[in-house]
Protein backbone atom coordinates (compact mmCIF):
# COMPACT_ATOMS: atom_id res chain seq x y z
CA UNK A 1 0.00 0.00 0.00
CA UNK A 2 2.83 2.37 0.88
CA UNK A 3 4.41 1.70 -2.52
CA UNK A 4 1.17 2.56 -4.31
CA UNK A 5 0.84 5.85 -2.41
CA UNK A 6 4.45 6.76 -3.19
CA UNK A 7 3.96 5.95 -6.87
CA UNK A 8 0.76 8.01 -6.96
CA UNK A 9 2.52 10.98 -5.32
CA UNK A 10 5.40 10.80 -7.82
CA UNK A 11 2.96 10.61 -10.72
CA UNK A 12 1.08 13.67 -9.46
CA UNK A 13 4.26 15.71 -9.08
CA UNK A 14 5.59 14.59 -12.46
CA UNK A 15 2.34 15.75 -14.05
CA UNK A 16 2.80 19.22 -12.54
CA UNK A 17 6.28 19.78 -13.96
CA UNK A 18 6.33 21.88 -17.10
CA UNK A 19 8.15 20.25 -19.96
CA UNK A 20 9.63 23.63 -20.89
CA UNK A 21 11.96 23.45 -17.92
CA UNK A 22 10.02 25.31 -15.23
CA UNK A 23 10.57 23.45 -12.00
CA UNK A 24 8.09 23.52 -9.11
CA UNK A 25 10.53 25.76 -7.21
CA UNK A 26 10.60 28.24 -10.09
CA UNK A 27 6.81 28.17 -10.35
CA UNK A 28 6.45 28.97 -6.63
CA UNK A 29 9.00 31.80 -6.94
CA UNK A 30 7.03 33.25 -9.87
CA UNK A 31 3.82 33.19 -7.81
CA UNK A 32 5.50 35.50 -5.30
CA UNK A 33 5.91 38.17 -7.97
CA UNK A 34 8.82 40.52 -8.51
CA UNK A 35 9.35 44.23 -8.77
CA UNK A 36 11.64 47.18 -9.16
CA UNK A 37 11.94 50.69 -7.77
CA UNK A 38 12.99 53.71 -9.79
CA UNK A 39 14.33 56.87 -8.14
CA UNK A 40 13.90 60.03 -10.23
CA UNK A 41 16.41 62.89 -10.21
CA UNK A 42 14.14 64.81 -7.78
CA UNK A 43 14.34 61.90 -5.31
CA UNK A 44 10.79 60.61 -5.85
CA UNK A 45 10.51 56.84 -6.00
CA UNK A 46 8.07 54.78 -8.02
CA UNK A 47 7.60 51.03 -7.94
CA UNK A 48 6.61 48.45 -10.53
CA UNK A 49 5.54 44.98 -9.39
CA UNK A 50 4.32 42.05 -11.52
CA UNK A 51 2.57 38.79 -10.69
CA UNK A 52 1.57 36.13 -13.23
CA UNK A 53 -2.13 36.69 -13.96
CA UNK A 54 -2.94 33.02 -13.43
CA UNK A 55 -0.68 32.51 -10.39
CA UNK A 56 -3.49 31.78 -7.92
CA UNK A 57 -6.14 30.49 -10.34
CA UNK A 58 -8.05 27.67 -8.68
CA UNK A 59 -6.87 28.74 -5.23
CA UNK A 60 -8.43 32.22 -5.15
CA UNK A 61 -11.42 32.74 -7.45
CA UNK A 62 -12.82 36.00 -6.06
CA UNK A 63 -11.21 39.02 -7.81
CA UNK A 64 -11.32 41.09 -4.60
CA UNK A 65 -9.52 38.35 -2.66
CA UNK A 66 -6.99 37.99 -5.47
CA UNK A 67 -6.30 41.73 -5.28
CA UNK A 68 -5.77 41.39 -1.50
CA UNK A 69 -3.28 38.58 -2.11
CA UNK A 70 -1.39 40.70 -4.65
CA UNK A 71 -1.34 43.67 -2.26
CA UNK A 72 0.01 41.39 0.48
CA UNK A 73 2.81 40.26 -1.86
CA UNK A 74 3.56 43.86 -2.85
CA UNK A 75 3.63 44.89 0.82
CA UNK A 76 6.08 42.11 1.67
CA UNK A 77 8.32 43.05 -1.24
CA UNK A 78 8.07 46.85 -0.74
CA UNK A 79 8.81 46.79 2.99
CA UNK A 80 12.52 47.42 2.43
CA UNK A 81 12.18 49.51 -0.70
CA UNK A 82 9.37 52.00 -0.07
CA UNK A 83 10.21 53.06 3.48
CA UNK A 84 6.95 54.89 4.21
CA UNK A 85 4.63 52.70 2.15
CA UNK A 86 3.27 52.97 -1.36
CA UNK A 87 0.13 53.69 -3.35
CA UNK A 88 -1.10 51.67 -6.31
CA UNK A 89 -2.09 54.05 -9.08
CA UNK A 90 -2.22 51.72 -12.08
CA UNK A 91 -3.07 48.05 -12.61
CA UNK A 92 -2.60 46.54 -16.07
CA UNK A 93 -2.68 43.06 -17.55
CA UNK A 94 0.22 42.66 -19.96
CA UNK A 95 1.27 39.42 -21.66
CA UNK A 96 -0.15 37.16 -18.96
CA UNK A 97 1.15 39.30 -16.10
CA UNK A 98 -0.70 41.62 -13.74
CA UNK A 99 1.36 44.80 -13.39
CA UNK A 100 1.03 47.21 -10.46
CA UNK A 101 2.70 50.64 -10.47
CA UNK A 102 2.63 53.67 -8.24
CA UNK A 103 4.62 56.06 -6.07
CA UNK A 104 6.48 55.20 -2.90
CA UNK A 105 5.51 57.57 -0.08
PDB file of N, CA and C in Angstrom:
ATOM      1  N   UNK A   1       0.824  -1.200   0.000  1.00  0.00           N
ATOM      2  CA  UNK A   1       0.000   0.000   0.000  1.00  0.00           C
ATOM      3  C   UNK A   1       0.861   1.254   0.000  1.00  0.00           C
ATOM      4  N   UNK A   2       1.940   1.217   0.809  1.00  0.00           N
ATOM      5  CA  UNK A   2       2.829   2.375   0.879  1.00  0.00           C
ATOM      6  C   UNK A   2       3.469   2.644  -0.483  1.00  0.00           C
ATOM      7  N   UNK A   3       3.811   1.562  -1.204  1.00  0.00           N
ATOM      8  CA  UNK A   3       4.409   1.702  -2.525  1.00  0.00           C
ATOM      9  C   UNK A   3       3.442   2.350  -3.508  1.00  0.00           C
ATOM     10  N   UNK A   4       2.194   1.986  -3.419  1.00  0.00           N
ATOM     11  CA  UNK A   4       1.175   2.556  -4.312  1.00  0.00           C
ATOM     12  C   UNK A   4       1.010   4.045  -4.036  1.00  0.00           C
ATOM     13  N   UNK A   5       0.964   4.433  -2.762  1.00  0.00           N
ATOM     14  CA  UNK A   5       0.836   5.847  -2.410  1.00  0.00           C
ATOM     15  C   UNK A   5       2.051   6.647  -2.881  1.00  0.00           C
ATOM     16  N   UNK A   6       3.243   6.086  -2.735  1.00  0.00           N
ATOM     17  CA  UNK A   6       4.455   6.759  -3.192  1.00  0.00           C
ATOM     18  C   UNK A   6       4.425   6.935  -4.702  1.00  0.00           C
ATOM     19  N   UNK A   7       4.036   5.880  -5.415  1.00  0.00           N
ATOM     20  CA  UNK A   7       3.955   5.953  -6.870  1.00  0.00           C
ATOM     21  C   UNK A   7       2.924   6.986  -7.305  1.00  0.00           C
ATOM     22  N   UNK A   8       1.794   7.030  -6.624  1.00  0.00           N
ATOM     23  CA  UNK A   8       0.758   8.015  -6.957  1.00  0.00           C
ATOM     24  C   UNK A   8       1.262   9.434  -6.718  1.00  0.00           C
ATOM     25  N   UNK A   9       1.980   9.652  -5.621  1.00  0.00           N
ATOM     26  CA  UNK A   9       2.525  10.980  -5.321  1.00  0.00           C
ATOM     27  C   UNK A   9       3.539  11.402  -6.379  1.00  0.00           C
ATOM     28  N   UNK A  10       4.409  10.486  -6.782  1.00  0.00           N
ATOM     29  CA  UNK A  10       5.404  10.796  -7.818  1.00  0.00           C
ATOM     30  C   UNK A  10       4.711  11.111  -9.134  1.00  0.00           C
ATOM     31  N   UNK A  11       3.691  10.371  -9.480  1.00  0.00           N
ATOM     32  CA  UNK A  11       2.961  10.614 -10.725  1.00  0.00           C
ATOM     33  C   UNK A  11       2.288  11.977 -10.712  1.00  0.00           C
ATOM     34  N   UNK A  12       1.716  12.356  -9.563  1.00  0.00           N
ATOM     35  CA  UNK A  12       1.084  13.672  -9.460  1.00  0.00           C
ATOM     36  C   UNK A  12       2.094  14.797  -9.627  1.00  0.00           C
ATOM     37  N   UNK A  13       3.236  14.679  -8.975  1.00  0.00           N
ATOM     38  CA  UNK A  13       4.263  15.711  -9.081  1.00  0.00           C
ATOM     39  C   UNK A  13       4.819  15.758 -10.491  1.00  0.00           C
ATOM     40  N   UNK A  14       5.054  14.625 -11.096  1.00  0.00           N
ATOM     41  CA  UNK A  14       5.587  14.586 -12.460  1.00  0.00           C
ATOM     42  C   UNK A  14       4.621  15.253 -13.422  1.00  0.00           C
ATOM     43  N   UNK A  15       3.329  15.109 -13.192  1.00  0.00           N
ATOM     44  CA  UNK A  15       2.342  15.750 -14.046  1.00  0.00           C
ATOM     45  C   UNK A  15       2.297  17.253 -13.893  1.00  0.00           C
ATOM     46  N   UNK A  16       2.811  17.783 -12.791  1.00  0.00           N
ATOM     47  CA  UNK A  16       2.799  19.223 -12.541  1.00  0.00           C
ATOM     48  C   UNK A  16       4.022  19.925 -13.121  1.00  0.00           C
ATOM     49  N   UNK A  17       5.035  19.172 -13.484  1.00  0.00           N
ATOM     50  CA  UNK A  17       6.277  19.777 -13.962  1.00  0.00           C
ATOM     51  C   UNK A  17       6.119  20.156 -15.424  1.00  0.00           C
ATOM     52  N   UNK A  18       6.402  21.373 -15.737  1.00  0.00           N
ATOM     53  CA  UNK A  18       6.326  21.883 -17.097  1.00  0.00           C
ATOM     54  C   UNK A  18       7.459  21.293 -17.927  1.00  0.00           C
ATOM     55  N   UNK A  19       7.124  20.833 -19.103  1.00  0.00           N
ATOM     56  CA  UNK A  19       8.148  20.245 -19.963  1.00  0.00           C
ATOM     57  C   UNK A  19       9.084  21.291 -20.548  1.00  0.00           C
ATOM     58  N   UNK A  20       8.773  22.557 -20.370  1.00  0.00           N
ATOM     59  CA  UNK A  20       9.627  23.628 -20.889  1.00  0.00           C
ATOM     60  C   UNK A  20      10.743  23.972 -19.905  1.00  0.00           C
ATOM     61  N   UNK A  21      10.860  23.234 -18.833  1.00  0.00           N
ATOM     62  CA  UNK A  21      11.965  23.447 -17.919  1.00  0.00           C
ATOM     63  C   UNK A  21      11.645  24.266 -16.690  1.00  0.00           C
ATOM     64  N   UNK A  22      10.381  24.575 -16.443  1.00  0.00           N
ATOM     65  CA  UNK A  22      10.017  25.313 -15.229  1.00  0.00           C
ATOM     66  C   UNK A  22       9.822  24.295 -14.119  1.00  0.00           C
ATOM     67  N   UNK A  23      10.657  24.373 -13.117  1.00  0.00           N
ATOM     68  CA  UNK A  23      10.569  23.451 -11.996  1.00  0.00           C
ATOM     69  C   UNK A  23       9.514  23.936 -11.011  1.00  0.00           C
ATOM     70  N   UNK A  24       9.049  23.065 -10.118  1.00  0.00           N
ATOM     71  CA  UNK A  24       8.088  23.521  -9.106  1.00  0.00           C
ATOM     72  C   UNK A  24       8.634  24.679  -8.267  1.00  0.00           C
ATOM     73  N   UNK A  25       9.927  24.676  -7.978  1.00  0.00           N
ATOM     74  CA  UNK A  25      10.535  25.762  -7.209  1.00  0.00           C
ATOM     75  C   UNK A  25      10.440  27.075  -7.969  1.00  0.00           C
ATOM     76  N   UNK A  26      10.709  27.036  -9.265  1.00  0.00           N
ATOM     77  CA  UNK A  26      10.602  28.237 -10.095  1.00  0.00           C
ATOM     78  C   UNK A  26       9.163  28.717 -10.153  1.00  0.00           C
ATOM     79  N   UNK A  27       8.220  27.791 -10.289  1.00  0.00           N
ATOM     80  CA  UNK A  27       6.811  28.166 -10.349  1.00  0.00           C
ATOM     81  C   UNK A  27       6.375  28.857  -9.061  1.00  0.00           C
ATOM     82  N   UNK A  28       6.799  28.349  -7.913  1.00  0.00           N
ATOM     83  CA  UNK A  28       6.449  28.972  -6.631  1.00  0.00           C
ATOM     84  C   UNK A  28       7.083  30.356  -6.534  1.00  0.00           C
ATOM     85  N   UNK A  29       8.328  30.497  -6.967  1.00  0.00           N
ATOM     86  CA  UNK A  29       8.998  31.801  -6.940  1.00  0.00           C
ATOM     87  C   UNK A  29       8.253  32.798  -7.828  1.00  0.00           C
ATOM     88  N   UNK A  30       7.767  32.355  -8.982  1.00  0.00           N
ATOM     89  CA  UNK A  30       7.033  33.251  -9.873  1.00  0.00           C
ATOM     90  C   UNK A  30       5.726  33.703  -9.243  1.00  0.00           C
ATOM     91  N   UNK A  31       5.077  32.831  -8.462  1.00  0.00           N
ATOM     92  CA  UNK A  31       3.817  33.193  -7.811  1.00  0.00           C
ATOM     93  C   UNK A  31       4.010  34.293  -6.776  1.00  0.00           C
ATOM     94  N   UNK A  32       5.225  34.454  -6.281  1.00  0.00           N
ATOM     95  CA  UNK A  32       5.502  35.504  -5.302  1.00  0.00           C
ATOM     96  C   UNK A  32       5.612  36.861  -5.956  1.00  0.00           C
ATOM     97  N   UNK A  33       5.781  36.915  -7.262  1.00  0.00           N
ATOM     98  CA  UNK A  33       5.912  38.171  -7.971  1.00  0.00           C
ATOM     99  C   UNK A  33       7.304  38.761  -7.839  1.00  0.00           C
ATOM    100  N   UNK A  34       7.533  39.838  -8.565  1.00  0.00           N
ATOM    101  CA  UNK A  34       8.822  40.521  -8.515  1.00  0.00           C
ATOM    102  C   UNK A  34       8.607  41.971  -8.905  1.00  0.00           C
ATOM    103  N   UNK A  35       9.520  42.813  -8.480  1.00  0.00           N
ATOM    104  CA  UNK A  35       9.351  44.227  -8.770  1.00  0.00           C
ATOM    105  C   UNK A  35      10.643  44.983  -8.844  1.00  0.00           C
ATOM    106  N   UNK A  36      10.492  46.278  -9.113  1.00  0.00           N
ATOM    107  CA  UNK A  36      11.641  47.177  -9.157  1.00  0.00           C
ATOM    108  C   UNK A  36      11.207  48.548  -8.669  1.00  0.00           C
ATOM    109  N   UNK A  37      12.179  49.319  -8.222  1.00  0.00           N
ATOM    110  CA  UNK A  37      11.942  50.695  -7.766  1.00  0.00           C
ATOM    111  C   UNK A  37      12.820  51.613  -8.590  1.00  0.00           C
ATOM    112  N   UNK A  38      12.240  52.712  -9.039  1.00  0.00           N
ATOM    113  CA  UNK A  38      12.986  53.714  -9.793  1.00  0.00           C
ATOM    114  C   UNK A  38      13.018  55.002  -8.981  1.00  0.00           C
ATOM    115  N   UNK A  39      14.189  55.587  -8.831  1.00  0.00           N
ATOM    116  CA  UNK A  39      14.327  56.868  -8.142  1.00  0.00           C
ATOM    117  C   UNK A  39      14.622  57.936  -9.180  1.00  0.00           C
ATOM    118  N   UNK A  40      13.735  58.929  -9.274  1.00  0.00           N
ATOM    119  CA  UNK A  40      13.904  60.034 -10.226  1.00  0.00           C
ATOM    120  C   UNK A  40      14.953  61.010  -9.710  1.00  0.00           C
ATOM    121  N   UNK A  41      15.376  61.915 -10.578  1.00  0.00           N
ATOM    122  CA  UNK A  41      16.406  62.895 -10.205  1.00  0.00           C
ATOM    123  C   UNK A  41      15.955  63.804  -9.058  1.00  0.00           C
ATOM    124  N   UNK A  42      14.637  63.977  -8.892  1.00  0.00           N
ATOM    125  CA  UNK A  42      14.141  64.806  -7.785  1.00  0.00           C
ATOM    126  C   UNK A  42      13.991  64.008  -6.483  1.00  0.00           C
ATOM    127  N   UNK A  43      14.376  62.729  -6.505  1.00  0.00           N
ATOM    128  CA  UNK A  43      14.338  61.900  -5.310  1.00  0.00           C
ATOM    129  C   UNK A  43      13.055  61.111  -5.129  1.00  0.00           C
ATOM    130  N   UNK A  44      12.054  61.340  -5.969  1.00  0.00           N
ATOM    131  CA  UNK A  44      10.790  60.608  -5.851  1.00  0.00           C
ATOM    132  C   UNK A  44      10.974  59.189  -6.370  1.00  0.00           C
ATOM    133  N   UNK A  45      10.418  58.247  -5.625  1.00  0.00           N
ATOM    134  CA  UNK A  45      10.515  56.836  -5.997  1.00  0.00           C
ATOM    135  C   UNK A  45       9.171  56.333  -6.526  1.00  0.00           C
ATOM    136  N   UNK A  46       9.239  55.489  -7.529  1.00  0.00           N
ATOM    137  CA  UNK A  46       8.071  54.780  -8.023  1.00  0.00           C
ATOM    138  C   UNK A  46       8.397  53.295  -8.064  1.00  0.00           C
ATOM    139  N   UNK A  47       7.378  52.473  -7.904  1.00  0.00           N
ATOM    140  CA  UNK A  47       7.602  51.031  -7.939  1.00  0.00           C
ATOM    141  C   UNK A  47       6.833  50.414  -9.092  1.00  0.00           C
ATOM    142  N   UNK A  48       7.278  49.255  -9.515  1.00  0.00           N
ATOM    143  CA  UNK A  48       6.615  48.448 -10.527  1.00  0.00           C
ATOM    144  C   UNK A  48       6.707  47.010 -10.046  1.00  0.00           C
ATOM    145  N   UNK A  49       5.574  46.340  -9.913  1.00  0.00           N
ATOM    146  CA  UNK A  49       5.537  44.977  -9.388  1.00  0.00           C
ATOM    147  C   UNK A  49       4.656  44.143 -10.306  1.00  0.00           C
ATOM    148  N   UNK A  50       5.101  42.928 -10.646  1.00  0.00           N
ATOM    149  CA  UNK A  50       4.324  42.053 -11.516  1.00  0.00           C
ATOM    150  C   UNK A  50       4.114  40.685 -10.870  1.00  0.00           C
ATOM    151  N   UNK A  51       2.947  40.127 -11.141  1.00  0.00           N
ATOM    152  CA  UNK A  51       2.571  38.793 -10.688  1.00  0.00           C
ATOM    153  C   UNK A  51       1.931  38.102 -11.891  1.00  0.00           C
ATOM    154  N   UNK A  52       2.250  36.826 -12.138  1.00  0.00           N
ATOM    155  CA  UNK A  52       1.565  36.125 -13.227  1.00  0.00           C
ATOM    156  C   UNK A  52       0.050  36.184 -13.024  1.00  0.00           C
ATOM    157  N   UNK A  53      -0.686  36.529 -14.068  1.00  0.00           N
ATOM    158  CA  UNK A  53      -2.134  36.695 -13.959  1.00  0.00           C
ATOM    159  C   UNK A  53      -2.839  35.425 -13.497  1.00  0.00           C
ATOM    160  N   UNK A  54      -2.291  34.274 -13.816  1.00  0.00           N
ATOM    161  CA  UNK A  54      -2.940  33.021 -13.428  1.00  0.00           C
ATOM    162  C   UNK A  54      -2.269  32.357 -12.226  1.00  0.00           C
ATOM    163  N   UNK A  55      -1.466  33.093 -11.481  1.00  0.00           N
ATOM    164  CA  UNK A  55      -0.675  32.512 -10.386  1.00  0.00           C
ATOM    165  C   UNK A  55      -1.529  31.838  -9.324  1.00  0.00           C
ATOM    166  N   UNK A  56      -2.676  32.345  -9.003  1.00  0.00           N
ATOM    167  CA  UNK A  56      -3.490  31.784  -7.920  1.00  0.00           C
ATOM    168  C   UNK A  56      -4.818  31.243  -8.431  1.00  0.00           C
ATOM    169  N   UNK A  57      -4.911  31.023  -9.753  1.00  0.00           N
ATOM    170  CA  UNK A  57      -6.139  30.488 -10.335  1.00  0.00           C
ATOM    171  C   UNK A  57      -6.425  29.118  -9.722  1.00  0.00           C
ATOM    172  N   UNK A  58      -7.670  28.928  -9.319  1.00  0.00           N
ATOM    173  CA  UNK A  58      -8.054  27.670  -8.679  1.00  0.00           C
ATOM    174  C   UNK A  58      -7.879  27.690  -7.175  1.00  0.00           C
ATOM    175  N   UNK A  59      -7.061  28.599  -6.678  1.00  0.00           N
ATOM    176  CA  UNK A  59      -6.868  28.744  -5.233  1.00  0.00           C
ATOM    177  C   UNK A  59      -7.718  29.904  -4.733  1.00  0.00           C
ATOM    178  N   UNK A  60      -7.649  31.016  -5.475  1.00  0.00           N
ATOM    179  CA  UNK A  60      -8.434  32.215  -5.148  1.00  0.00           C
ATOM    180  C   UNK A  60      -9.242  32.574  -6.386  1.00  0.00           C
ATOM    181  N   UNK A  61     -10.568  32.467  -6.286  1.00  0.00           N
ATOM    182  CA  UNK A  61     -11.420  32.743  -7.445  1.00  0.00           C
ATOM    183  C   UNK A  61     -12.076  34.119  -7.399  1.00  0.00           C
ATOM    184  N   UNK A  62     -12.192  34.698  -6.210  1.00  0.00           N
ATOM    185  CA  UNK A  62     -12.825  35.999  -6.055  1.00  0.00           C
ATOM    186  C   UNK A  62     -11.823  37.102  -6.420  1.00  0.00           C
ATOM    187  N   UNK A  63     -12.142  37.959  -7.408  1.00  0.00           N
ATOM    188  CA  UNK A  63     -11.214  39.021  -7.811  1.00  0.00           C
ATOM    189  C   UNK A  63     -10.781  39.938  -6.664  1.00  0.00           C
ATOM    190  N   UNK A  64     -11.678  40.228  -5.731  1.00  0.00           N
ATOM    191  CA  UNK A  64     -11.323  41.091  -4.601  1.00  0.00           C
ATOM    192  C   UNK A  64     -10.303  40.394  -3.692  1.00  0.00           C
ATOM    193  N   UNK A  65     -10.470  39.104  -3.483  1.00  0.00           N
ATOM    194  CA  UNK A  65      -9.516  38.355  -2.660  1.00  0.00           C
ATOM    195  C   UNK A  65      -8.176  38.211  -3.378  1.00  0.00           C
ATOM    196  N   UNK A  66      -8.228  38.059  -4.697  1.00  0.00           N
ATOM    197  CA  UNK A  66      -6.987  37.986  -5.473  1.00  0.00           C
ATOM    198  C   UNK A  66      -6.224  39.298  -5.365  1.00  0.00           C
ATOM    199  N   UNK A  67      -6.937  40.421  -5.433  1.00  0.00           N
ATOM    200  CA  UNK A  67      -6.303  41.729  -5.281  1.00  0.00           C
ATOM    201  C   UNK A  67      -5.669  41.854  -3.900  1.00  0.00           C
ATOM    202  N   UNK A  68      -6.340  41.368  -2.855  1.00  0.00           N
ATOM    203  CA  UNK A  68      -5.771  41.394  -1.499  1.00  0.00           C
ATOM    204  C   UNK A  68      -4.487  40.571  -1.433  1.00  0.00           C
ATOM    205  N   UNK A  69      -4.476  39.410  -2.089  1.00  0.00           N
ATOM    206  CA  UNK A  69      -3.278  38.579  -2.112  1.00  0.00           C
ATOM    207  C   UNK A  69      -2.135  39.304  -2.802  1.00  0.00           C
ATOM    208  N   UNK A  70      -2.421  39.943  -3.931  1.00  0.00           N
ATOM    209  CA  UNK A  70      -1.393  40.696  -4.647  1.00  0.00           C
ATOM    210  C   UNK A  70      -0.881  41.852  -3.794  1.00  0.00           C
ATOM    211  N   UNK A  71      -1.762  42.561  -3.119  1.00  0.00           N
ATOM    212  CA  UNK A  71      -1.341  43.665  -2.259  1.00  0.00           C
ATOM    213  C   UNK A  71      -0.495  43.164  -1.086  1.00  0.00           C
ATOM    214  N   UNK A  72      -0.816  41.988  -0.572  1.00  0.00           N
ATOM    215  CA  UNK A  72       0.010  41.390   0.479  1.00  0.00           C
ATOM    216  C   UNK A  72       1.419  41.126  -0.055  1.00  0.00           C
ATOM    217  N   UNK A  73       1.505  40.539  -1.253  1.00  0.00           N
ATOM    218  CA  UNK A  73       2.807  40.260  -1.862  1.00  0.00           C
ATOM    219  C   UNK A  73       3.588  41.543  -2.113  1.00  0.00           C
ATOM    220  N   UNK A  74       2.906  42.568  -2.613  1.00  0.00           N
ATOM    221  CA  UNK A  74       3.561  43.863  -2.853  1.00  0.00           C
ATOM    222  C   UNK A  74       4.063  44.436  -1.536  1.00  0.00           C
ATOM    223  N   UNK A  75       3.239  44.371  -0.492  1.00  0.00           N
ATOM    224  CA  UNK A  75       3.632  44.888   0.815  1.00  0.00           C
ATOM    225  C   UNK A  75       4.856  44.186   1.370  1.00  0.00           C
ATOM    226  N   UNK A  76       4.915  42.865   1.215  1.00  0.00           N
ATOM    227  CA  UNK A  76       6.084  42.112   1.672  1.00  0.00           C
ATOM    228  C   UNK A  76       7.333  42.536   0.906  1.00  0.00           C
ATOM    229  N   UNK A  77       7.199  42.678  -0.393  1.00  0.00           N
ATOM    230  CA  UNK A  77       8.321  43.052  -1.242  1.00  0.00           C
ATOM    231  C   UNK A  77       8.746  44.500  -0.983  1.00  0.00           C
ATOM    232  N   UNK A  78       7.781  45.410  -0.845  1.00  0.00           N
ATOM    233  CA  UNK A  78       8.070  46.848  -0.739  1.00  0.00           C
ATOM    234  C   UNK A  78       8.559  47.262   0.639  1.00  0.00           C
ATOM    235  N   UNK A  79       8.471  46.395   1.626  1.00  0.00           N
ATOM    236  CA  UNK A  79       8.810  46.786   2.995  1.00  0.00           C
ATOM    237  C   UNK A  79      10.224  47.341   3.126  1.00  0.00           C
ATOM    238  N   UNK A  80      11.159  46.894   2.354  1.00  0.00           N
ATOM    239  CA  UNK A  80      12.521  47.423   2.431  1.00  0.00           C
ATOM    240  C   UNK A  80      12.861  48.395   1.320  1.00  0.00           C
ATOM    241  N   UNK A  81      11.897  48.667   0.458  1.00  0.00           N
ATOM    242  CA  UNK A  81      12.179  49.506  -0.700  1.00  0.00           C
ATOM    243  C   UNK A  81      11.405  50.824  -0.703  1.00  0.00           C
ATOM    244  N   UNK A  82      10.188  50.796  -0.212  1.00  0.00           N
ATOM    245  CA  UNK A  82       9.367  52.000  -0.073  1.00  0.00           C
ATOM    246  C   UNK A  82       9.187  52.211   1.432  1.00  0.00           C
ATOM    247  N   UNK A  83      10.109  52.951   2.024  1.00  0.00           N
ATOM    248  CA  UNK A  83      10.211  53.063   3.479  1.00  0.00           C
ATOM    249  C   UNK A  83       8.919  53.488   4.181  1.00  0.00           C
ATOM    250  N   UNK A  84       8.166  54.386   3.566  1.00  0.00           N
ATOM    251  CA  UNK A  84       6.946  54.889   4.214  1.00  0.00           C
ATOM    252  C   UNK A  84       5.684  54.371   3.534  1.00  0.00           C
ATOM    253  N   UNK A  85       5.793  53.272   2.813  1.00  0.00           N
ATOM    254  CA  UNK A  85       4.631  52.697   2.152  1.00  0.00           C
ATOM    255  C   UNK A  85       4.572  53.045   0.675  1.00  0.00           C
ATOM    256  N   UNK A  86       3.445  52.768   0.076  1.00  0.00           N
ATOM    257  CA  UNK A  86       3.270  52.973  -1.359  1.00  0.00           C
ATOM    258  C   UNK A  86       1.790  53.149  -1.662  1.00  0.00           C
ATOM    259  N   UNK A  87       1.506  53.600  -2.855  1.00  0.00           N
ATOM    260  CA  UNK A  87       0.132  53.693  -3.348  1.00  0.00           C
ATOM    261  C   UNK A  87       0.092  53.056  -4.728  1.00  0.00           C
ATOM    262  N   UNK A  88      -0.925  52.251  -4.983  1.00  0.00           N
ATOM    263  CA  UNK A  88      -1.095  51.666  -6.310  1.00  0.00           C
ATOM    264  C   UNK A  88      -1.928  52.638  -7.132  1.00  0.00           C
ATOM    265  N   UNK A  89      -1.366  53.108  -8.232  1.00  0.00           N
ATOM    266  CA  UNK A  89      -2.094  54.049  -9.079  1.00  0.00           C
ATOM    267  C   UNK A  89      -2.492  53.457 -10.424  1.00  0.00           C
ATOM    268  N   UNK A  90      -1.886  52.322 -10.791  1.00  0.00           N
ATOM    269  CA  UNK A  90      -2.219  51.718 -12.076  1.00  0.00           C
ATOM    270  C   UNK A  90      -2.088  50.198 -11.992  1.00  0.00           C
ATOM    271  N   UNK A  91      -3.093  49.511 -12.512  1.00  0.00           N
ATOM    272  CA  UNK A  91      -3.073  48.053 -12.614  1.00  0.00           C
ATOM    273  C   UNK A  91      -3.349  47.712 -14.072  1.00  0.00           C
ATOM    274  N   UNK A  92      -2.437  46.929 -14.664  1.00  0.00           N
ATOM    275  CA  UNK A  92      -2.604  46.536 -16.073  1.00  0.00           C
ATOM    276  C   UNK A  92      -2.317  45.048 -16.220  1.00  0.00           C
ATOM    277  N   UNK A  93      -2.978  44.435 -17.187  1.00  0.00           N
ATOM    278  CA  UNK A  93      -2.683  43.056 -17.553  1.00  0.00           C
ATOM    279  C   UNK A  93      -1.910  43.092 -18.864  1.00  0.00           C
ATOM    280  N   UNK A  94      -0.673  42.614 -18.803  1.00  0.00           N
ATOM    281  CA  UNK A  94       0.217  42.659 -19.960  1.00  0.00           C
ATOM    282  C   UNK A  94       0.847  41.282 -20.151  1.00  0.00           C
ATOM    283  N   UNK A  95       0.631  40.697 -21.295  1.00  0.00           N
ATOM    284  CA  UNK A  95       1.269  39.425 -21.661  1.00  0.00           C
ATOM    285  C   UNK A  95       1.191  38.369 -20.559  1.00  0.00           C
ATOM    286  N   UNK A  96       0.016  38.181 -19.982  1.00  0.00           N
ATOM    287  CA  UNK A  96      -0.155  37.164 -18.964  1.00  0.00           C
ATOM    288  C   UNK A  96       0.330  37.558 -17.577  1.00  0.00           C
ATOM    289  N   UNK A  97       0.677  38.808 -17.399  1.00  0.00           N
ATOM    290  CA  UNK A  97       1.145  39.304 -16.103  1.00  0.00           C
ATOM    291  C   UNK A  97       0.218  40.419 -15.630  1.00  0.00           C
ATOM    292  N   UNK A  98       0.012  40.494 -14.317  1.00  0.00           N
ATOM    293  CA  UNK A  98      -0.701  41.621 -13.735  1.00  0.00           C
ATOM    294  C   UNK A  98       0.359  42.569 -13.200  1.00  0.00           C
ATOM    295  N   UNK A  99       0.337  43.800 -13.703  1.00  0.00           N
ATOM    296  CA  UNK A  99       1.357  44.796 -13.391  1.00  0.00           C
ATOM    297  C   UNK A  99       0.759  45.883 -12.496  1.00  0.00           C
ATOM    298  N   UNK A 100       1.447  46.164 -11.397  1.00  0.00           N
ATOM    299  CA  UNK A 100       1.034  47.215 -10.463  1.00  0.00           C
ATOM    300  C   UNK A 100       2.122  48.282 -10.443  1.00  0.00           C
ATOM    301  N   UNK A 101       1.744  49.540 -10.549  1.00  0.00           N
ATOM    302  CA  UNK A 101       2.703  50.637 -10.468  1.00  0.00           C
ATOM    303  C   UNK A 101       2.132  51.732  -9.584  1.00  0.00           C
ATOM    304  N   UNK A 102       3.046  52.544  -9.052  1.00  0.00           N
ATOM    305  CA  UNK A 102       2.628  53.668  -8.239  1.00  0.00           C
ATOM    306  C   UNK A 102       3.807  54.290  -7.518  1.00  0.00           C
ATOM    307  N   UNK A 103       3.547  55.375  -6.791  1.00  0.00           N
ATOM    308  CA  UNK A 103       4.616  56.057  -6.069  1.00  0.00           C
ATOM    309  C   UNK A 103       4.887  55.434  -4.700  1.00  0.00           C
ATOM    310  N   UNK A 104       6.137  55.492  -4.292  1.00  0.00           N
ATOM    311  CA  UNK A 104       6.480  55.204  -2.900  1.00  0.00           C
ATOM    312  C   UNK A 104       6.195  56.476  -2.116  1.00  0.00           C
ATOM    313  N   UNK A 105       5.796  56.372  -0.885  1.00  0.00           N
ATOM    314  CA  UNK A 105       5.511  57.570  -0.075  1.00  0.00           C
ATOM    315  C   UNK A 105       6.771  58.080   0.566  1.00  0.00           C
TER     316      UNK A 105
END
